[in-house]
Amino acid sequence: MKFASISKVCIAACMALAMAGCSSWDSMSHRQKSAVGGAALGGVAGAVITNGGVLGTVGGAAIGGVIGDQIGKH
């Protein structure tokens, strides 16, 4: 198995775990939900842009989370 395919499997598993952690979604505020959604979209975008690079995925998730948090403020 190539490193790139292992990386993609790892990213998919991490995203599945993150979504499973949203089982308490009902008790979250709108701002928190926006941050989680932004982090998920940012992580996917970062992975696509960097062709599955870990740093790009984590960076995209961090930036997406901040943007989602700020959007959810209003």
Protein backbone atom coordinates (compact mmCIF):
# COMPACT_ATOMS: atom_id res chain seq x y z
CA MET A 1 0.00 0.00 0.00
CA LYS A 2 1.36 3.40 -0.93
CA PHE A 3 1.81 6.16 1.64
CA ALA A 4 -0.74 8.33 -0.18
CA SER A 5 -3.48 5.71 0.12
CA ILE A 6 -2.62 5.12 3.79
CA SER A 7 -2.85 8.86 4.34
CA LYS A 8 -6.27 9.01 2.69
CA VAL A 9 -7.54 6.13 4.82
CA CYS A 10 -6.23 7.86 7.93
CA ILE A 11 -7.95 11.11 6.96
CA ALA A 12 -11.23 9.30 6.31
CA ALA A 13 -11.00 7.52 9.67
CA CYS A 14 -10.29 10.78 11.49
CA MET A 15 -13.24 12.46 9.82
CA ALA A 16 -15.50 9.53 10.75
CA LEU A 17 -14.37 9.79 14.37
CA ALA A 18 -14.96 13.53 14.34
CA MET A 19 -18.48 13.07 13.02
CA ALA A 20 -19.14 10.36 15.62
CA GLY A 21 -18.13 12.91 18.23
CA CYS A 22 -20.99 15.07 17.00
CA SER A 23 -23.50 12.76 18.70
CA SER A 24 -24.01 15.59 21.18
CA TRP A 25 -24.81 17.93 18.28
CA ASP A 26 -28.16 18.91 19.83
CA SER A 27 -26.52 20.46 22.87
CA MET A 28 -24.10 22.57 20.81
CA SER A 29 -24.65 26.24 20.08
CA HIS A 30 -24.98 27.55 16.54
CA ARG A 31 -21.46 28.96 16.77
CA GLN A 32 -20.00 25.61 17.81
CA LYS A 33 -21.82 23.81 15.00
CA SER A 34 -20.44 26.35 12.52
CA ALA A 35 -16.91 25.80 13.82
CA VAL A 36 -17.22 22.01 13.45
CA GLY A 37 -18.61 22.35 9.93
CA GLY A 38 -15.90 24.80 8.97
CA ALA A 39 -13.20 22.53 10.33
CA ALA A 40 -14.57 19.57 8.37
CA LEU A 41 -14.79 21.51 5.12
CA GLY A 42 -11.39 23.11 5.69
CA GLY A 43 -9.80 19.73 6.37
CA VAL A 44 -11.21 18.28 3.17
CA ALA A 45 -10.16 21.33 1.17
CA GLY A 46 -6.67 21.23 2.66
CA ALA A 47 -6.34 17.54 1.85
CA VAL A 48 -7.46 18.08 -1.73
CA ILE A 49 -5.19 21.07 -2.30
CA THR A 50 -2.10 19.36 -0.85
CA ASN A 51 -2.92 15.97 -2.39
CA GLY A 52 -3.48 14.32 1.00
CA GLY A 53 -0.71 16.12 2.86
CA VAL A 54 -1.07 15.94 6.63
CA LEU A 55 0.07 19.50 7.21
CA GLY A 56 -2.35 20.83 4.60
CA THR A 57 -5.22 18.83 6.06
CA VAL A 58 -4.58 19.95 9.63
CA GLY A 59 -3.95 23.53 8.55
CA GLY A 60 -7.13 23.58 6.48
CA ALA A 61 -9.13 22.21 9.40
CA ALA A 62 -7.70 24.83 11.75
CA ILE A 63 -8.37 27.70 9.38
CA GLY A 64 -11.82 26.35 8.51
CA GLY A 65 -12.69 26.03 12.20
CA VAL A 66 -11.73 29.64 12.87
CA ILE A 67 -13.69 30.87 9.87
CA GLY A 68 -16.72 28.77 10.84
CA ASP A 69 -16.53 30.10 14.39
CA GLN A 70 -16.48 33.69 13.19
CA ILE A 71 -19.35 33.12 10.76
CA GLY A 72 -21.38 31.39 13.48
CA LYS A 73 -21.03 34.46 15.70
CA HIS A 74 -23.68 36.33 13.74
